[in-house]
Amino acid sequence: MIEQQNNRNTQIDNIKGLLILLAVLGHIVEPLTGPQPYLYQFYAFIYIFHMPAFLLLSGYLSKGGESFNAGKIVNQLIVPFLVFNCIYEILYYAQNGEVSNYVKGLAPNWILWFLVSLIFMRIISPIIMQFKYPVALSILIALIASVVSYNGFTFNASRTLVFMPYYIAGCVLFKSTNGNLIFSEKPTGLLIASVFLVVCYALADHLNLIALYGNTPLVATGMTFSNVIIVRLSYYILTALAIGSVCLIASRFHWFNNFGRKSLYIYLWHGLAVKYLIWYMLPFLSNNVIIQTLFFLITGVLMAFLLSRHAVSRCTQILFVPVKTLLLKKDK
């Protein structure tokens, strides 16, 4: 979700646009995934690929992940995290009269885990990229993180380690393509990708959602050592193929381009809108599947459209100024 400032790859913006729209829709329907099987299936389906795909693209946009730029990490990740984590906590405290369990557990608030993981990945990737087989190394680290019992929520440790291979794969992809990634538009490839995603959708409600979340070591769920390894590796393969399929298809969807360009702002603000506005409307929503589906689609698209406006990005940057002034040294 970190924006690419110059020489934008429009195909990547198209992909990011679809991914952020799916993220918005997934968060809107989240409270109803229990009572509504069709919503659970959709929810599980997008969790196969949408955050791993964002991490892969973030790795790609880091231009190989071999350099460490503290200023960019602070500006692009730490400042947005601090501002919006404070907003979430202030609203929670105003509503409940106490700090959230996220603060008590030293964890980022809800969807802000993505920024925390990116912070650590940006810091760690220059080290991992020095090795001959960085993706293999990151997978090995992820497997170890899956078979060791610890609190995966603290500092978002589990997701950072489990999802690291996607980010590193993006770094490797940038190097292997010399930063000139172009997705094929051949009909055969699109057909195969479409069929594969249909299969993924059909299988989605049979998958282990905890494994897709990545927020808890699988060994803590009672899995045996061998099952943890098998599940984690098989899900890496499934997710990698799903990411490739989604990217191949979504790269053609130019109407999602502006959503992709403004994905950071949609990401930052939609969680607040969903949690403190949309979710309060759900109890009054009809049980009719068609009405529900239309409501979710219209609400999700409208929210993404409104949050992708220039006024939102401008106001957000103004909101960041005091924190940047407080944290960053002045340019000489």
C-alpha atoms as a PDB file:
ATOM      1  CA  MET A   1       0.000   0.000   0.000  1.00  0.00           C
ATOM      2  CA  ILE A   2       3.031   2.233   0.016  1.00  0.00           C
ATOM      3  CA  GLU A   3       2.776   4.622  -2.882  1.00  0.00           C
ATOM      4  CA  GLN A   4       5.205   4.618  -5.777  1.00  0.00           C
ATOM      5  CA  GLN A   5       6.066   8.228  -6.477  1.00  0.00           C
ATOM      6  CA  ASN A   6       7.741   8.249  -9.879  1.00  0.00           C
ATOM      7  CA  ASN A   7       7.548   6.196 -13.082  1.00  0.00           C
ATOM      8  CA  ARG A   8       4.421   4.447 -11.890  1.00  0.00           C
ATOM      9  CA  ASN A   9       3.632   1.013 -13.222  1.00  0.00           C
ATOM     10  CA  THR A  10      -0.052   1.285 -14.137  1.00  0.00           C
ATOM     11  CA  GLN A  11      -0.507  -2.486 -14.047  1.00  0.00           C
ATOM     12  CA  ILE A  12       0.621  -2.559 -10.421  1.00  0.00           C
ATOM     13  CA  ASP A  13      -1.765   0.279  -9.577  1.00  0.00           C
ATOM     14  CA  ASN A  14      -4.579  -1.686 -11.218  1.00  0.00           C
ATOM     15  CA  ILE A  15      -3.732  -4.727  -9.089  1.00  0.00           C
ATOM     16  CA  LYS A  16      -3.439  -2.698  -5.888  1.00  0.00           C
ATOM     17  CA  GLY A  17      -6.794  -1.111  -6.690  1.00  0.00           C
ATOM     18  CA  LEU A  18      -8.591  -4.449  -6.832  1.00  0.00           C
ATOM     19  CA  LEU A  19      -6.767  -5.719  -3.745  1.00  0.00           C
ATOM     20  CA  ILE A  20      -7.682  -2.715  -1.601  1.00  0.00           C
ATOM     21  CA  LEU A  21     -11.312  -2.937  -2.731  1.00  0.00           C
ATOM     22  CA  LEU A  22     -11.373  -6.601  -1.704  1.00  0.00           C
ATOM     23  CA  ALA A  23      -9.816  -5.655   1.645  1.00  0.00           C
ATOM     24  CA  VAL A  24     -12.573  -3.086   2.223  1.00  0.00           C
ATOM     25  CA  LEU A  25     -15.276  -5.610   1.307  1.00  0.00           C
ATOM     26  CA  GLY A  26     -13.698  -8.274   3.503  1.00  0.00           C
ATOM     27  CA  HIS A  27     -13.652  -5.996   6.535  1.00  0.00           C
ATOM     28  CA  ILE A  28     -17.243  -4.884   5.946  1.00  0.00           C
ATOM     29  CA  VAL A  29     -18.590  -8.448   5.924  1.00  0.00           C
ATOM     30  CA  GLU A  30     -16.334  -9.742   8.730  1.00  0.00           C
ATOM     31  CA  PRO A  31     -18.974  -9.685  11.532  1.00  0.00           C
ATOM     32  CA  LEU A  32     -21.414 -11.700   9.391  1.00  0.00           C
ATOM     33  CA  THR A  33     -19.047 -14.455   8.285  1.00  0.00           C
ATOM     34  CA  GLY A  34     -20.282 -16.681  11.119  1.00  0.00           C
ATOM     35  CA  PRO A  35     -24.035 -16.697  10.422  1.00  0.00           C
ATOM     36  CA  GLN A  36     -23.690 -16.364   6.634  1.00  0.00           C
ATOM     37  CA  PRO A  37     -21.762 -19.232   4.950  1.00  0.00           C
ATOM     38  CA  TYR A  38     -21.562 -17.458   1.578  1.00  0.00           C
ATOM     39  CA  LEU A  39     -19.853 -14.486   3.248  1.00  0.00           C
ATOM     40  CA  TYR A  40     -17.431 -16.770   5.075  1.00  0.00           C
ATOM     41  CA  GLN A  41     -16.492 -18.384   1.770  1.00  0.00           C
ATOM     42  CA  PHE A  42     -15.835 -14.984   0.168  1.00  0.00           C
ATOM     43  CA  TYR A  43     -13.911 -13.845   3.242  1.00  0.00           C
ATOM     44  CA  ALA A  44     -11.708 -16.955   3.312  1.00  0.00           C
ATOM     45  CA  PHE A  45     -11.177 -16.697  -0.457  1.00  0.00           C
ATOM     46  CA  ILE A  46      -9.731 -13.187  -0.366  1.00  0.00           C
ATOM     47  CA  TYR A  47      -7.542 -14.094   2.610  1.00  0.00           C
ATOM     48  CA  ILE A  48      -5.806 -16.670   0.421  1.00  0.00           C
ATOM     49  CA  PHE A  49      -4.057 -13.905  -1.491  1.00  0.00           C
ATOM     50  CA  HIS A  50      -4.956 -10.270  -0.775  1.00  0.00           C
ATOM     51  CA  MET A  51      -2.491  -9.379   2.018  1.00  0.00           C
ATOM     52  CA  PRO A  52       0.293 -11.659   0.706  1.00  0.00           C
ATOM     53  CA  ALA A  53      -0.153  -9.966  -2.685  1.00  0.00           C
ATOM     54  CA  PHE A  54       0.153  -6.518  -1.113  1.00  0.00           C
ATOM     55  CA  LEU A  55       3.336  -7.622   0.627  1.00  0.00           C
ATOM     56  CA  LEU A  56       4.781  -9.028  -2.590  1.00  0.00           C
ATOM     57  CA  LEU A  57       4.056  -5.742  -4.378  1.00  0.00           C
ATOM     58  CA  SER A  58       5.510  -3.794  -1.443  1.00  0.00           C
ATOM     59  CA  GLY A  59       8.684  -5.847  -1.727  1.00  0.00           C
ATOM     60  CA  TYR A  60       8.784  -5.184  -5.461  1.00  0.00           C
ATOM     61  CA  LEU A  61       8.287  -1.443  -4.947  1.00  0.00           C
ATOM     62  CA  SER A  62      11.120  -1.413  -2.398  1.00  0.00           C
ATOM     63  CA  LYS A  63      13.398  -1.797  -5.451  1.00  0.00           C
ATOM     64  CA  GLY A  64      15.092  -4.983  -4.386  1.00  0.00           C
ATOM     65  CA  GLY A  65      14.969  -4.458  -0.633  1.00  0.00           C
ATOM     66  CA  GLU A  66      18.763  -4.286  -0.333  1.00  0.00           C
ATOM     67  CA  SER A  67      19.068  -0.709   0.890  1.00  0.00           C
ATOM     68  CA  PHE A  68      18.049   0.633   4.283  1.00  0.00           C
ATOM     69  CA  ASN A  69      16.455   4.090   4.273  1.00  0.00           C
ATOM     70  CA  ALA A  70      15.470   5.086   7.793  1.00  0.00           C
ATOM     71  CA  GLY A  71      13.871   8.334   6.637  1.00  0.00           C
ATOM     72  CA  LYS A  72      11.467   6.552   4.298  1.00  0.00           C
ATOM     73  CA  ILE A  73      10.570   3.988   6.950  1.00  0.00           C
ATOM     74  CA  VAL A  74       9.683   6.769   9.382  1.00  0.00           C
ATOM     75  CA  ASN A  75       7.808   8.882   6.817  1.00  0.00           C
ATOM     76  CA  GLN A  76       5.942   6.132   4.997  1.00  0.00           C
ATOM     77  CA  LEU A  77       5.295   3.648   7.798  1.00  0.00           C
ATOM     78  CA  ILE A  78       6.039   4.718  11.370  1.00  0.00           C
ATOM     79  CA  VAL A  79       4.276   8.094  11.204  1.00  0.00           C
ATOM     80  CA  PRO A  80       1.048   6.717   9.638  1.00  0.00           C
ATOM     81  CA  PHE A  81       1.072   3.869  12.156  1.00  0.00           C
ATOM     82  CA  LEU A  82       1.508   6.147  15.171  1.00  0.00           C
ATOM     83  CA  VAL A  83      -1.188   8.569  14.034  1.00  0.00           C
ATOM     84  CA  PHE A  84      -3.833   5.983  13.210  1.00  0.00           C
ATOM     85  CA  ASN A  85      -3.027   3.682  16.098  1.00  0.00           C
ATOM     86  CA  CYS A  86      -3.605   6.667  18.388  1.00  0.00           C
ATOM     87  CA  ILE A  87      -6.908   7.426  16.638  1.00  0.00           C
ATOM     88  CA  TYR A  88      -8.097   3.843  17.124  1.00  0.00           C
ATOM     89  CA  GLU A  89      -7.064   3.858  20.777  1.00  0.00           C
ATOM     90  CA  ILE A  90      -8.661   7.234  21.509  1.00  0.00           C
ATOM     91  CA  LEU A  91     -11.956   6.074  20.009  1.00  0.00           C
ATOM     92  CA  TYR A  92     -11.782   2.789  21.902  1.00  0.00           C
ATOM     93  CA  TYR A  93     -11.050   4.546  25.187  1.00  0.00           C
ATOM     94  CA  ALA A  94     -13.881   7.023  24.624  1.00  0.00           C
ATOM     95  CA  GLN A  95     -16.235   4.110  24.009  1.00  0.00           C
ATOM     96  CA  ASN A  96     -15.047   1.697  26.719  1.00  0.00           C
ATOM     97  CA  GLY A  97     -13.229   3.755  29.332  1.00  0.00           C
ATOM     98  CA  GLU A  98     -10.042   1.676  29.123  1.00  0.00           C
ATOM     99  CA  VAL A  99      -7.211   0.947  26.735  1.00  0.00           C
ATOM    100  CA  SER A 100      -7.687  -1.872  24.241  1.00  0.00           C
ATOM    101  CA  ASN A 101      -6.269  -5.369  24.494  1.00  0.00           C
ATOM    102  CA  TYR A 102      -4.007  -4.434  21.591  1.00  0.00           C
ATOM    103  CA  VAL A 103      -2.158  -1.965  23.813  1.00  0.00           C
ATOM    104  CA  LYS A 104      -2.131  -4.390  26.735  1.00  0.00           C
ATOM    105  CA  GLY A 105      -0.651  -7.074  24.493  1.00  0.00           C
ATOM    106  CA  LEU A 106       1.857  -4.752  22.768  1.00  0.00           C
ATOM    107  CA  ALA A 107       0.176  -5.370  19.419  1.00  0.00           C
ATOM    108  CA  PRO A 108      -0.870  -3.011  16.600  1.00  0.00           C
ATOM    109  CA  ASN A 109      -4.551  -2.146  16.510  1.00  0.00           C
ATOM    110  CA  TRP A 110      -6.564  -4.330  14.130  1.00  0.00           C
ATOM    111  CA  ILE A 111      -5.653  -3.766  10.458  1.00  0.00           C
ATOM    112  CA  LEU A 112      -2.601  -1.666  11.325  1.00  0.00           C
ATOM    113  CA  TRP A 113      -0.608  -4.890  11.693  1.00  0.00           C
ATOM    114  CA  PHE A 114       0.297  -4.499   8.024  1.00  0.00           C
ATOM    115  CA  LEU A 115       2.297  -1.313   8.678  1.00  0.00           C
ATOM    116  CA  VAL A 116       4.136  -2.876  11.615  1.00  0.00           C
ATOM    117  CA  SER A 117       5.048  -5.930   9.543  1.00  0.00           C
ATOM    118  CA  LEU A 118       6.294  -3.699   6.736  1.00  0.00           C
ATOM    119  CA  ILE A 119       8.449  -1.736   9.172  1.00  0.00           C
ATOM    120  CA  PHE A 120      10.204  -4.909  10.302  1.00  0.00           C
ATOM    121  CA  MET A 121      10.407  -6.307   6.759  1.00  0.00           C
ATOM    122  CA  ARG A 122      12.028  -3.105   5.500  1.00  0.00           C
ATOM    123  CA  ILE A 123      14.588  -3.388   8.296  1.00  0.00           C
ATOM    124  CA  ILE A 124      15.249  -7.123   7.896  1.00  0.00           C
ATOM    125  CA  SER A 125      15.196  -7.450   4.088  1.00  0.00           C
ATOM    126  CA  PRO A 126      18.637  -5.858   3.448  1.00  0.00           C
ATOM    127  CA  ILE A 127      20.125  -8.658   5.569  1.00  0.00           C
ATOM    128  CA  ILE A 128      18.131 -11.504   4.009  1.00  0.00           C
ATOM    129  CA  MET A 129      18.789 -10.231   0.485  1.00  0.00           C
ATOM    130  CA  GLN A 130      22.534 -10.701   1.028  1.00  0.00           C
ATOM    131  CA  PHE A 131      22.063 -14.472   1.026  1.00  0.00           C
ATOM    132  CA  LYS A 132      22.198 -16.593  -2.122  1.00  0.00           C
ATOM    133  CA  TYR A 133      18.663 -17.944  -1.708  1.00  0.00           C
ATOM    134  CA  PRO A 134      16.709 -15.244   0.143  1.00  0.00           C
ATOM    135  CA  VAL A 135      13.228 -16.655  -0.515  1.00  0.00           C
ATOM    136  CA  ALA A 136      14.241 -20.114   0.707  1.00  0.00           C
ATOM    137  CA  LEU A 137      15.797 -18.565   3.818  1.00  0.00           C
ATOM    138  CA  SER A 138      12.660 -16.544   4.565  1.00  0.00           C
ATOM    139  CA  ILE A 139      10.512 -19.678   4.174  1.00  0.00           C
ATOM    140  CA  LEU A 140      12.790 -21.547   6.580  1.00  0.00           C
ATOM    141  CA  ILE A 141      12.412 -18.735   9.117  1.00  0.00           C
ATOM    142  CA  ALA A 142       8.631 -18.802   8.624  1.00  0.00           C
ATOM    143  CA  LEU A 143       8.502 -22.558   9.192  1.00  0.00           C
ATOM    144  CA  ILE A 144      10.485 -22.227  12.403  1.00  0.00           C
ATOM    145  CA  ALA A 145       8.112 -19.453  13.513  1.00  0.00           C
ATOM    146  CA  SER A 146       5.182 -21.792  12.836  1.00  0.00           C
ATOM    147  CA  VAL A 147       6.463 -24.709  14.930  1.00  0.00           C
ATOM    148  CA  VAL A 148       7.621 -22.707  17.967  1.00  0.00           C
ATOM    149  CA  SER A 149       5.069 -21.710  20.602  1.00  0.00           C
ATOM    150  CA  TYR A 150       5.002 -17.973  21.470  1.00  0.00           C
ATOM    151  CA  ASN A 151       2.570 -15.052  21.541  1.00  0.00           C
ATOM    152  CA  GLY A 152       2.276 -14.239  17.855  1.00  0.00           C
ATOM    153  CA  PHE A 153       0.298 -11.050  18.479  1.00  0.00           C
ATOM    154  CA  THR A 154       3.015  -9.233  20.428  1.00  0.00           C
ATOM    155  CA  PHE A 155       4.700  -6.779  18.063  1.00  0.00           C
ATOM    156  CA  ASN A 156       2.876  -8.690  15.309  1.00  0.00           C
ATOM    157  CA  ALA A 157       5.730 -11.200  15.351  1.00  0.00           C
ATOM    158  CA  SER A 158       3.920 -14.172  13.818  1.00  0.00           C
ATOM    159  CA  ARG A 159       2.520 -12.368  10.787  1.00  0.00           C
ATOM    160  CA  THR A 160       5.811 -10.617  10.134  1.00  0.00           C
ATOM    161  CA  LEU A 161       7.733 -13.891  10.058  1.00  0.00           C
ATOM    162  CA  VAL A 162       5.065 -15.981   8.303  1.00  0.00           C
ATOM    163  CA  PHE A 163       4.395 -13.381   5.579  1.00  0.00           C
ATOM    164  CA  MET A 164       8.045 -12.410   5.114  1.00  0.00           C
ATOM    165  CA  PRO A 165       8.523 -14.808   2.133  1.00  0.00           C
ATOM    166  CA  TYR A 166       6.023 -12.824   0.050  1.00  0.00           C
ATOM    167  CA  TYR A 167       7.851  -9.552   0.669  1.00  0.00           C
ATOM    168  CA  ILE A 168      11.226 -11.129  -0.070  1.00  0.00           C
ATOM    169  CA  ALA A 169       9.769 -12.721  -3.222  1.00  0.00           C
ATOM    170  CA  GLY A 170       8.747  -9.227  -4.316  1.00  0.00           C
ATOM    171  CA  CYS A 171      12.291  -7.980  -3.742  1.00  0.00           C
ATOM    172  CA  VAL A 172      13.667 -10.854  -5.823  1.00  0.00           C
ATOM    173  CA  LEU A 173      11.053 -10.210  -8.512  1.00  0.00           C
ATOM    174  CA  PHE A 174      12.227  -6.613  -8.841  1.00  0.00           C
ATOM    175  CA  LYS A 175      15.817  -7.729  -9.310  1.00  0.00           C
ATOM    176  CA  SER A 176      14.947 -10.477 -11.782  1.00  0.00           C
ATOM    177  CA  THR A 177      12.841  -8.129 -13.939  1.00  0.00           C
ATOM    178  CA  ASN A 178      15.147  -5.115 -13.536  1.00  0.00           C
ATOM    179  CA  GLY A 179      12.156  -3.197 -12.223  1.00  0.00           C
ATOM    180  CA  ASN A 180      10.236  -3.651 -15.465  1.00  0.00           C
ATOM    181  CA  LEU A 181       7.484  -6.067 -14.485  1.00  0.00           C
ATOM    182  CA  ILE A 182       4.850  -6.545 -17.194  1.00  0.00           C
ATOM    183  CA  PHE A 183       1.968  -8.994 -16.944  1.00  0.00           C
ATOM    184  CA  SER A 184       0.994 -10.937 -20.041  1.00  0.00           C
ATOM    185  CA  GLU A 185      -2.432 -10.361 -21.558  1.00  0.00           C
ATOM    186  CA  LYS A 186      -2.566 -13.598 -23.547  1.00  0.00           C
ATOM    187  CA  PRO A 187      -6.089 -15.113 -23.452  1.00  0.00           C
ATOM    188  CA  THR A 188      -4.783 -18.572 -22.533  1.00  0.00           C
ATOM    189  CA  GLY A 189      -3.058 -17.284 -19.411  1.00  0.00           C
ATOM    190  CA  LEU A 190      -6.128 -15.307 -18.378  1.00  0.00           C
ATOM    191  CA  LEU A 191      -8.334 -18.356 -18.836  1.00  0.00           C
ATOM    192  CA  ILE A 192      -6.061 -20.568 -16.730  1.00  0.00           C
ATOM    193  CA  ALA A 193      -5.839 -17.886 -14.033  1.00  0.00           C
ATOM    194  CA  SER A 194      -9.620 -17.485 -13.960  1.00  0.00           C
ATOM    195  CA  VAL A 195     -10.215 -21.222 -13.667  1.00  0.00           C
ATOM    196  CA  PHE A 196      -7.663 -21.500 -10.864  1.00  0.00           C
ATOM    197  CA  LEU A 197      -9.325 -18.696  -8.885  1.00  0.00           C
ATOM    198  CA  VAL A 198     -12.711 -20.375  -9.304  1.00  0.00           C
ATOM    199  CA  VAL A 199     -11.177 -23.532  -7.833  1.00  0.00           C
ATOM    200  CA  CYS A 200      -9.713 -21.479  -4.966  1.00  0.00           C
ATOM    201  CA  TYR A 201     -13.129 -19.985  -4.277  1.00  0.00           C
ATOM    202  CA  ALA A 202     -14.716 -23.428  -4.218  1.00  0.00           C
ATOM    203  CA  LEU A 203     -12.093 -24.659  -1.749  1.00  0.00           C
ATOM    204  CA  ALA A 204     -12.001 -21.525   0.412  1.00  0.00           C
ATOM    205  CA  ASP A 205     -14.458 -22.579   3.112  1.00  0.00           C
ATOM    206  CA  HIS A 206     -12.483 -25.795   3.669  1.00  0.00           C
ATOM    207  CA  LEU A 207      -9.193 -24.014   4.361  1.00  0.00           C
ATOM    208  CA  ASN A 208      -7.654 -23.340   7.774  1.00  0.00           C
ATOM    209  CA  LEU A 209      -8.415 -19.669   8.404  1.00  0.00           C
ATOM    210  CA  ILE A 210      -5.851 -19.443  11.212  1.00  0.00           C
ATOM    211  CA  ALA A 211      -3.177 -20.556   8.751  1.00  0.00           C
ATOM    212  CA  LEU A 212      -4.346 -17.875   6.308  1.00  0.00           C
ATOM    213  CA  TYR A 213      -4.364 -15.190   9.023  1.00  0.00           C
ATOM    214  CA  GLY A 214      -0.825 -16.056  10.071  1.00  0.00           C
ATOM    215  CA  ASN A 215      -1.285 -14.338  13.441  1.00  0.00           C
ATOM    216  CA  THR A 216      -0.780 -17.448  15.588  1.00  0.00           C
ATOM    217  CA  PRO A 217       1.923 -20.144  15.405  1.00  0.00           C
ATOM    218  CA  LEU A 218       0.195 -23.214  13.982  1.00  0.00           C
ATOM    219  CA  VAL A 219       1.756 -25.447  16.614  1.00  0.00           C
ATOM    220  CA  ALA A 220      -0.311 -23.540  19.202  1.00  0.00           C
ATOM    221  CA  THR A 221      -3.507 -24.781  17.509  1.00  0.00           C
ATOM    222  CA  GLY A 222      -2.656 -28.384  18.356  1.00  0.00           C
ATOM    223  CA  MET A 223      -1.138 -29.411  15.024  1.00  0.00           C
ATOM    224  CA  THR A 224       1.718 -31.880  14.998  1.00  0.00           C
ATOM    225  CA  PHE A 225       5.150 -30.764  13.808  1.00  0.00           C
ATOM    226  CA  SER A 226       4.787 -32.567  10.470  1.00  0.00           C
ATOM    227  CA  ASN A 227       1.282 -31.201   9.860  1.00  0.00           C
ATOM    228  CA  VAL A 228       2.453 -27.650  10.531  1.00  0.00           C
ATOM    229  CA  ILE A 229       5.199 -27.995   7.919  1.00  0.00           C
ATOM    230  CA  ILE A 230       2.849 -29.575   5.362  1.00  0.00           C
ATOM    231  CA  VAL A 231       0.088 -27.002   5.877  1.00  0.00           C
ATOM    232  CA  ARG A 232       2.407 -24.003   5.794  1.00  0.00           C
ATOM    233  CA  LEU A 233       4.263 -25.159   2.657  1.00  0.00           C
ATOM    234  CA  SER A 234       1.072 -26.149   0.832  1.00  0.00           C
ATOM    235  CA  TYR A 235      -0.487 -22.788   1.651  1.00  0.00           C
ATOM    236  CA  TYR A 236       2.598 -20.991   0.339  1.00  0.00           C
ATOM    237  CA  ILE A 237       2.176 -22.822  -2.966  1.00  0.00           C
ATOM    238  CA  LEU A 238      -1.577 -22.159  -3.079  1.00  0.00           C
ATOM    239  CA  THR A 239      -1.144 -18.490  -2.234  1.00  0.00           C
ATOM    240  CA  ALA A 240       1.696 -17.983  -4.718  1.00  0.00           C
ATOM    241  CA  LEU A 241      -0.427 -19.399  -7.548  1.00  0.00           C
ATOM    242  CA  ALA A 242      -3.422 -17.336  -6.430  1.00  0.00           C
ATOM    243  CA  ILE A 243      -1.331 -14.150  -6.327  1.00  0.00           C
ATOM    244  CA  GLY A 244      -0.058 -14.807  -9.839  1.00  0.00           C
ATOM    245  CA  SER A 245      -3.585 -15.452 -11.083  1.00  0.00           C
ATOM    246  CA  VAL A 246      -5.041 -12.338  -9.453  1.00  0.00           C
ATOM    247  CA  CYS A 247      -2.201 -10.145 -10.710  1.00  0.00           C
ATOM    248  CA  LEU A 248      -2.576 -11.498 -14.239  1.00  0.00           C
ATOM    249  CA  ILE A 249      -6.294 -10.696 -14.292  1.00  0.00           C
ATOM    250  CA  ALA A 250      -6.365  -7.478 -12.247  1.00  0.00           C
ATOM    251  CA  SER A 251      -3.520  -5.870 -14.211  1.00  0.00           C
ATOM    252  CA  ARG A 252      -6.057  -5.309 -17.016  1.00  0.00           C
ATOM    253  CA  PHE A 253      -8.667  -3.582 -14.823  1.00  0.00           C
ATOM    254  CA  HIS A 254      -7.862   0.067 -15.497  1.00  0.00           C
ATOM    255  CA  TRP A 255     -10.965   1.290 -13.676  1.00  0.00           C
ATOM    256  CA  PHE A 256      -9.284   0.278 -10.397  1.00  0.00           C
ATOM    257  CA  ASN A 257      -6.209   2.392 -11.159  1.00  0.00           C
ATOM    258  CA  ASN A 258      -7.007   5.354  -8.925  1.00  0.00           C
ATOM    259  CA  PHE A 259      -7.895   3.036  -6.045  1.00  0.00           C
ATOM    260  CA  GLY A 260      -4.401   1.599  -6.437  1.00  0.00           C
ATOM    261  CA  ARG A 261      -2.739   5.004  -6.564  1.00  0.00           C
ATOM    262  CA  LYS A 262      -4.507   6.005  -3.355  1.00  0.00           C
ATOM    263  CA  SER A 263      -4.500   2.582  -1.682  1.00  0.00           C
ATOM    264  CA  LEU A 264      -2.595   3.835   1.374  1.00  0.00           C
ATOM    265  CA  TYR A 265      -5.306   6.356   2.227  1.00  0.00           C
ATOM    266  CA  ILE A 266      -8.132   3.918   1.554  1.00  0.00           C
ATOM    267  CA  TYR A 267      -6.374   1.436   3.825  1.00  0.00           C
ATOM    268  CA  LEU A 268      -5.778   3.913   6.639  1.00  0.00           C
ATOM    269  CA  TRP A 269      -9.280   5.383   6.760  1.00  0.00           C
ATOM    270  CA  HIS A 270     -11.602   2.547   5.773  1.00  0.00           C
ATOM    271  CA  GLY A 271     -11.011   0.610   8.986  1.00  0.00           C
ATOM    272  CA  LEU A 272     -12.356   3.506  11.029  1.00  0.00           C
ATOM    273  CA  ALA A 273     -15.369   3.928   8.749  1.00  0.00           C
ATOM    274  CA  VAL A 274     -16.115   0.210   8.839  1.00  0.00           C
ATOM    275  CA  LYS A 275     -15.630  -0.281  12.576  1.00  0.00           C
ATOM    276  CA  TYR A 276     -17.408   2.833  13.818  1.00  0.00           C
ATOM    277  CA  LEU A 277     -20.086   3.315  11.162  1.00  0.00           C
ATOM    278  CA  ILE A 278     -20.814   0.384   8.852  1.00  0.00           C
ATOM    279  CA  TRP A 279     -20.742  -2.342  11.498  1.00  0.00           C
ATOM    280  CA  TYR A 280     -23.389  -0.474  13.495  1.00  0.00           C
ATOM    281  CA  MET A 281     -25.674  -0.660  10.459  1.00  0.00           C
ATOM    282  CA  LEU A 282     -25.360  -4.428   9.959  1.00  0.00           C
ATOM    283  CA  PRO A 283     -27.939  -5.503  12.600  1.00  0.00           C
ATOM    284  CA  PHE A 284     -30.590  -3.606  10.631  1.00  0.00           C
ATOM    285  CA  LEU A 285     -29.636  -5.195   7.306  1.00  0.00           C
ATOM    286  CA  SER A 286     -32.063  -7.572   5.618  1.00  0.00           C
ATOM    287  CA  ASN A 287     -31.280 -11.306   5.683  1.00  0.00           C
ATOM    288  CA  ASN A 288     -31.982 -11.472   1.961  1.00  0.00           C
ATOM    289  CA  VAL A 289     -28.771 -12.575   0.232  1.00  0.00           C
ATOM    290  CA  ILE A 290     -29.309 -10.360  -2.823  1.00  0.00           C
ATOM    291  CA  ILE A 291     -29.967  -7.261  -0.721  1.00  0.00           C
ATOM    292  CA  GLN A 292     -26.954  -8.019   1.467  1.00  0.00           C
ATOM    293  CA  THR A 293     -24.682  -8.529  -1.523  1.00  0.00           C
ATOM    294  CA  LEU A 294     -25.817  -5.281  -3.159  1.00  0.00           C
ATOM    295  CA  PHE A 295     -25.331  -3.394   0.114  1.00  0.00           C
ATOM    296  CA  PHE A 296     -21.805  -4.722   0.569  1.00  0.00           C
ATOM    297  CA  LEU A 297     -20.775  -4.047  -3.031  1.00  0.00           C
ATOM    298  CA  ILE A 298     -22.233  -0.544  -3.187  1.00  0.00           C
ATOM    299  CA  THR A 299     -20.903   0.399   0.245  1.00  0.00           C
ATOM    300  CA  GLY A 300     -17.432  -0.985  -0.467  1.00  0.00           C
ATOM    301  CA  VAL A 301     -17.057   0.662  -3.873  1.00  0.00           C
ATOM    302  CA  LEU A 302     -18.476   3.978  -2.627  1.00  0.00           C
ATOM    303  CA  MET A 303     -16.160   3.980   0.381  1.00  0.00           C
ATOM    304  CA  ALA A 304     -13.106   3.214  -1.755  1.00  0.00           C
ATOM    305  CA  PHE A 305     -14.147   5.929  -4.219  1.00  0.00           C
ATOM    306  CA  LEU A 306     -14.613   8.592  -1.539  1.00  0.00           C
ATOM    307  CA  LEU A 307     -11.386   7.734   0.275  1.00  0.00           C
ATOM    308  CA  SER A 308      -9.412   7.843  -2.986  1.00  0.00           C
ATOM    309  CA  ARG A 309     -10.231  11.528  -3.480  1.00  0.00           C
ATOM    310  CA  HIS A 310      -7.365  14.020  -3.479  1.00  0.00           C
ATOM    311  CA  ALA A 311      -8.889  15.908  -0.543  1.00  0.00           C
ATOM    312  CA  VAL A 312      -8.530  12.816   1.653  1.00  0.00           C
ATOM    313  CA  SER A 313      -4.860  12.276   0.805  1.00  0.00           C
ATOM    314  CA  ARG A 314      -4.137  15.972   1.300  1.00  0.00           C
ATOM    315  CA  CYS A 315      -5.865  16.106   4.697  1.00  0.00           C
ATOM    316  CA  THR A 316      -4.114  12.904   5.766  1.00  0.00           C
ATOM    317  CA  GLN A 317      -0.711  14.346   4.970  1.00  0.00           C
ATOM    318  CA  ILE A 318      -1.594  17.481   6.940  1.00  0.00           C
ATOM    319  CA  LEU A 319      -2.523  15.213   9.849  1.00  0.00           C
ATOM    320  CA  PHE A 320       0.957  13.675   9.680  1.00  0.00           C
ATOM    321  CA  VAL A 321       2.808  17.010   9.840  1.00  0.00           C
ATOM    322  CA  PRO A 322       2.856  17.476  13.655  1.00  0.00           C
ATOM    323  CA  VAL A 323       4.172  13.941  14.196  1.00  0.00           C
ATOM    324  CA  LYS A 324       6.833  14.355  11.517  1.00  0.00           C
ATOM    325  CA  THR A 325       7.831  17.687  13.057  1.00  0.00           C
ATOM    326  CA  LEU A 326       8.123  16.033  16.452  1.00  0.00           C
ATOM    327  CA  LEU A 327      10.069  12.977  15.293  1.00  0.00           C
ATOM    328  CA  LEU A 328      12.207  14.047  12.347  1.00  0.00           C
ATOM    329  CA  LYS A 329      15.252  16.266  12.207  1.00  0.00           C
ATOM    330  CA  LYS A 330      14.954  19.405  10.126  1.00  0.00           C
ATOM    331  CA  ASP A 331      16.775  19.429   6.792  1.00  0.00           C
ATOM    332  CA  LYS A 332      19.830  21.612   6.888  1.00  0.00           C
END
